[in-house]
Amino acid sequence: IDIIIPRGGKTLVARVQDDARVPVLAHLDGINHCYVDRAADTDKATAIVVNAKMRRTGICGSTETVLIDRQFGAPAQIVTALLDAGCAVRGTPEVQALDPRITPAAPEDWDTEYLDAICSVALVDDVTEAMAHIATHGSHHTDAIITEDRQTAEAFLAGVDSAIVLWNASTQFADGGEFGLGAEIGIATGRLHARGPVALEGLTTYKWVVRGTGQIRP
């Protein structure tokens, strides 16, 4: 056996990783984030966040946590849109103040892959705090920034250590087929040897063929 690709729940994957004596290509939690920056377009941000959470809640590309810059002008519009779409929102006290339907977020919510119509929401000071939150609670799967500020976007794309990072696009695009890879085996969050959406090409390696005409190395 050259490699094991476990598909199933977190417990199954973790056990295979712990017990296997051959390489394991793990497909783990998708604790994905959408960060709404202060320079985000309000309508664009609302549409992306609702799609990222609610298009299909049970897939690994679904957003589980929304982080909103405190200087963003319309946080209530985003959480209200989520609630109106049928999503249960759990938030910090300042987020709860935006809508009476929001329930308190417990500490474990920030580390939970809901795979359901549930979302955690927090306000942050800036992109640096958003990236710190993602580094602490994320699963290195898929994270998105929504902003019209290129410099902020590039800082996020470079600084977030996830297999897939997006700018002004829904996390639901985290799929090998959407990336033109064909049938997807899974989305790997590790670093060896494949990372991100894994299709047939990701399971191949290289063979170096050298055709010479008598060359020798000095």
Protein backbone atom coordinates (compact mmCIF):
# COMPACT_ATOMS: atom_id res chain seq x y z
CA ILE A 1 0.00 0.00 0.00
CA ASP A 2 1.56 3.29 -1.10
CA ILE A 3 -0.89 5.73 0.47
CA ILE A 4 -4.16 5.83 2.43
CA ILE A 5 -6.82 8.44 1.67
CA PRO A 6 -9.39 8.17 4.46
CA ARG A 7 -12.80 9.71 3.80
CA GLY A 8 -15.13 10.00 6.75
CA GLY A 9 -15.53 11.69 10.09
CA LYS A 10 -12.84 13.45 12.10
CA THR A 11 -12.44 10.50 14.48
CA LEU A 12 -11.88 8.04 11.65
CA VAL A 13 -9.33 10.25 9.91
CA ALA A 14 -7.46 10.91 13.16
CA ARG A 15 -7.28 7.20 13.98
CA VAL A 16 -5.95 6.36 10.53
CA GLN A 17 -3.32 9.09 10.89
CA ASP A 18 -2.27 7.79 14.30
CA ASP A 19 -2.15 4.10 13.42
CA ALA A 20 -1.04 4.00 9.79
CA ARG A 21 2.49 2.98 8.87
CA VAL A 22 2.22 4.32 5.33
CA PRO A 23 1.63 7.91 4.16
CA VAL A 24 -1.85 9.32 4.81
CA LEU A 25 -3.46 12.03 2.70
CA ALA A 26 -5.83 13.53 5.26
CA HIS A 27 -9.00 15.42 4.49
CA LEU A 28 -9.89 17.09 7.79
CA ASP A 29 -12.17 19.79 9.20
CA GLY A 30 -13.24 22.77 7.18
CA ILE A 31 -13.41 25.46 9.86
CA ASN A 32 -13.53 28.16 7.22
CA HIS A 33 -13.75 31.92 7.67
CA CYS A 34 -15.04 34.93 5.77
CA TYR A 35 -13.42 38.18 6.85
CA VAL A 36 -15.38 41.30 5.91
CA ASP A 37 -12.88 44.15 5.79
CA ARG A 38 -13.66 47.81 6.45
CA ALA A 39 -13.20 48.47 2.73
CA ALA A 40 -15.67 45.80 1.62
CA ASP A 41 -18.56 46.61 -0.68
CA THR A 42 -21.66 46.07 1.46
CA ASP A 43 -23.87 44.32 -1.09
CA LYS A 44 -21.01 42.20 -2.42
CA ALA A 45 -20.01 41.18 1.11
CA THR A 46 -23.57 40.27 2.03
CA ALA A 47 -24.06 38.12 -1.06
CA ILE A 48 -20.73 36.34 -0.61
CA VAL A 49 -21.21 35.61 3.09
CA VAL A 50 -24.73 34.24 2.65
CA ASN A 51 -23.60 32.04 -0.24
CA ALA A 52 -20.47 30.90 1.61
CA LYS A 53 -22.57 29.71 4.53
CA MET A 54 -25.94 28.74 3.11
CA ARG A 55 -25.50 27.44 -0.45
CA ARG A 56 -24.68 23.99 0.90
CA THR A 57 -24.09 23.91 4.63
CA GLY A 58 -22.88 20.32 4.81
CA ILE A 59 -19.82 20.53 2.57
CA CYS A 60 -16.23 21.14 3.63
CA GLY A 61 -16.15 24.51 1.84
CA SER A 62 -18.96 26.00 3.90
CA THR A 63 -18.03 29.04 6.00
CA GLU A 64 -18.39 28.45 9.74
CA THR A 65 -17.17 31.79 11.15
CA VAL A 66 -17.66 35.32 9.87
CA LEU A 67 -15.27 38.03 11.09
CA ILE A 68 -16.32 41.63 10.50
CA ASP A 69 -14.09 44.69 10.81
CA ARG A 70 -15.44 47.08 13.43
CA GLN A 71 -15.06 49.94 10.95
CA PHE A 72 -17.18 48.19 8.33
CA GLY A 73 -20.30 50.28 7.88
CA ALA A 74 -23.09 47.69 7.83
CA PRO A 75 -22.47 44.64 10.02
CA ALA A 76 -26.17 44.41 10.81
CA GLN A 77 -27.00 43.92 7.13
CA ILE A 78 -24.79 40.85 6.95
CA VAL A 79 -26.03 39.15 10.12
CA THR A 80 -29.65 39.99 9.28
CA ALA A 81 -29.23 38.46 5.83
CA LEU A 82 -27.84 35.28 7.40
CA LEU A 83 -30.72 35.10 9.87
CA ASP A 84 -33.31 35.77 7.19
CA ALA A 85 -31.79 32.98 5.08
CA GLY A 86 -32.45 30.53 7.92
CA CYS A 87 -29.02 30.52 9.54
CA ALA A 88 -28.71 30.43 13.31
CA VAL A 89 -26.15 33.06 14.30
CA ARG A 90 -24.01 32.82 17.43
CA GLY A 91 -22.06 35.90 18.34
CA THR A 92 -20.08 37.90 20.84
CA PRO A 93 -21.99 40.43 22.99
CA GLU A 94 -21.40 43.27 20.52
CA VAL A 95 -22.67 41.09 17.69
CA GLN A 96 -25.72 40.10 19.74
CA ALA A 97 -26.58 43.79 19.98
CA LEU A 98 -27.13 43.86 16.21
CA ASP A 99 -30.20 41.59 16.23
CA PRO A 100 -32.22 40.00 19.06
CA ARG A 101 -32.27 36.66 17.25
CA ILE A 102 -28.52 36.18 17.75
CA THR A 103 -27.54 33.80 20.56
CA PRO A 104 -24.31 33.90 22.60
CA ALA A 105 -21.25 32.19 21.15
CA ALA A 106 -19.53 29.72 23.47
CA PRO A 107 -15.73 29.31 23.40
CA GLU A 108 -16.04 26.01 21.56
CA ASP A 109 -18.04 27.60 18.74
CA TRP A 110 -14.90 29.13 17.24
CA ASP A 111 -13.41 25.64 16.85
CA THR A 112 -16.51 23.91 15.50
CA GLU A 113 -17.25 22.68 12.00
CA TYR A 114 -21.04 22.88 12.12
CA LEU A 115 -21.87 21.41 8.70
CA ASP A 116 -25.30 22.91 9.36
CA ALA A 117 -27.16 26.22 9.09
CA ILE A 118 -25.24 27.67 12.04
CA CYS A 119 -22.60 30.40 11.94
CA SER A 120 -20.41 32.15 14.51
CA VAL A 121 -19.81 35.88 14.09
CA ALA A 122 -17.29 38.19 15.76
CA LEU A 123 -16.10 41.75 15.26
CA VAL A 124 -12.36 42.41 14.93
CA ASP A 125 -10.22 45.54 14.87
CA ASP A 126 -8.51 44.92 11.54
CA VAL A 127 -7.10 42.36 9.13
CA THR A 128 -4.26 41.57 11.54
CA GLU A 129 -6.68 40.51 14.26
CA ALA A 130 -8.70 38.56 11.71
CA MET A 131 -5.61 36.64 10.60
CA ALA A 132 -4.66 35.97 14.23
CA HIS A 133 -8.14 34.56 14.90
CA ILE A 134 -7.89 32.33 11.84
CA ALA A 135 -4.42 31.14 12.87
CA THR A 136 -5.79 30.17 16.29
CA HIS A 137 -9.11 28.62 15.33
CA GLY A 138 -8.91 27.74 11.65
CA SER A 139 -8.14 24.36 10.13
CA HIS A 140 -5.87 25.50 7.26
CA HIS A 141 -8.61 24.62 4.79
CA THR A 142 -10.30 27.61 3.11
CA ASP A 143 -10.54 31.26 4.17
CA ALA A 144 -11.76 34.35 2.34
CA ILE A 145 -11.38 38.11 2.57
CA ILE A 146 -13.96 40.52 1.19
CA THR A 147 -12.50 43.96 0.49
CA GLU A 148 -11.94 46.53 -2.24
CA ASP A 149 -8.49 47.34 -0.82
CA ARG A 150 -5.85 45.43 -2.80
CA GLN A 151 -3.07 45.95 -0.25
CA THR A 152 -5.20 44.52 2.56
CA ALA A 153 -6.30 41.64 0.37
CA GLU A 154 -2.74 40.73 -0.60
CA ALA A 155 -1.67 40.82 3.06
CA PHE A 156 -4.46 38.37 3.88
CA LEU A 157 -3.73 36.07 0.94
CA ALA A 158 -0.05 35.92 1.86
CA GLY A 159 -0.49 35.77 5.62
CA VAL A 160 -3.25 33.18 6.08
CA ASP A 161 -1.77 29.67 6.17
CA SER A 162 -4.58 27.79 4.48
CA ALA A 163 -4.67 25.46 1.49
CA ILE A 164 -7.14 27.78 -0.26
CA VAL A 165 -7.44 31.55 0.20
CA LEU A 166 -9.90 33.70 -1.71
CA TRP A 167 -10.43 37.40 -2.35
CA ASN A 168 -13.99 38.55 -2.99
CA ALA A 169 -15.26 35.03 -3.65
CA SER A 170 -17.30 32.47 -1.71
CA THR A 171 -15.56 29.68 0.20
CA GLN A 172 -17.99 27.32 -1.54
CA PHE A 173 -15.60 27.43 -4.53
CA ALA A 174 -13.27 25.15 -2.53
CA ASP A 175 -13.65 22.23 -4.89
CA GLY A 176 -11.33 20.50 -7.30
CA GLY A 177 -13.90 20.56 -10.07
CA GLU A 178 -14.27 24.33 -9.75
CA PHE A 179 -10.48 24.64 -10.07
CA GLY A 180 -10.45 22.61 -13.27
CA LEU A 181 -8.90 19.52 -11.70
CA GLY A 182 -11.67 17.09 -12.57
CA ALA A 183 -12.90 14.53 -10.07
CA GLU A 184 -11.71 15.48 -6.60
CA ILE A 185 -10.37 12.99 -4.09
CA GLY A 186 -10.37 15.48 -1.24
CA ILE A 187 -8.90 18.75 -0.01
CA ALA A 188 -5.64 18.16 1.80
CA THR A 189 -4.70 20.61 4.55
CA GLY A 190 -1.20 19.26 5.16
CA ARG A 191 1.96 20.15 3.25
CA LEU A 192 3.25 16.81 1.95
CA HIS A 193 2.99 16.00 -0.70
CA ALA A 194 -0.24 17.42 -2.11
CA ARG A 195 -2.08 20.41 -0.65
CA GLY A 196 -5.50 21.84 -1.40
CA PRO A 197 -7.88 20.12 -3.85
CA VAL A 198 -6.39 16.78 -4.82
CA ALA A 199 -7.29 15.11 -8.10
CA LEU A 200 -5.41 12.61 -10.26
CA GLU A 201 -2.46 14.92 -10.88
CA GLY A 202 -1.99 15.35 -7.14
CA LEU A 203 -1.40 11.62 -6.77
CA THR A 204 1.38 11.53 -9.33
CA THR A 205 5.10 12.13 -8.92
CA TYR A 206 7.98 12.85 -11.29
CA LYS A 207 10.45 10.79 -13.26
CA TRP A 208 13.38 12.72 -14.71
CA VAL A 209 14.48 11.44 -18.12
CA VAL A 210 17.80 12.75 -19.47
CA ARG A 211 18.78 12.08 -23.09
CA GLY A 212 22.43 12.88 -23.68
CA THR A 213 24.93 12.78 -26.50
CA GLY A 214 27.98 11.80 -24.48
CA GLN A 215 28.10 14.59 -21.87
CA ILE A 216 30.24 14.04 -18.78
CA ARG A 217 30.25 16.16 -15.66
CA PRO A 218 33.55 17.93 -14.90
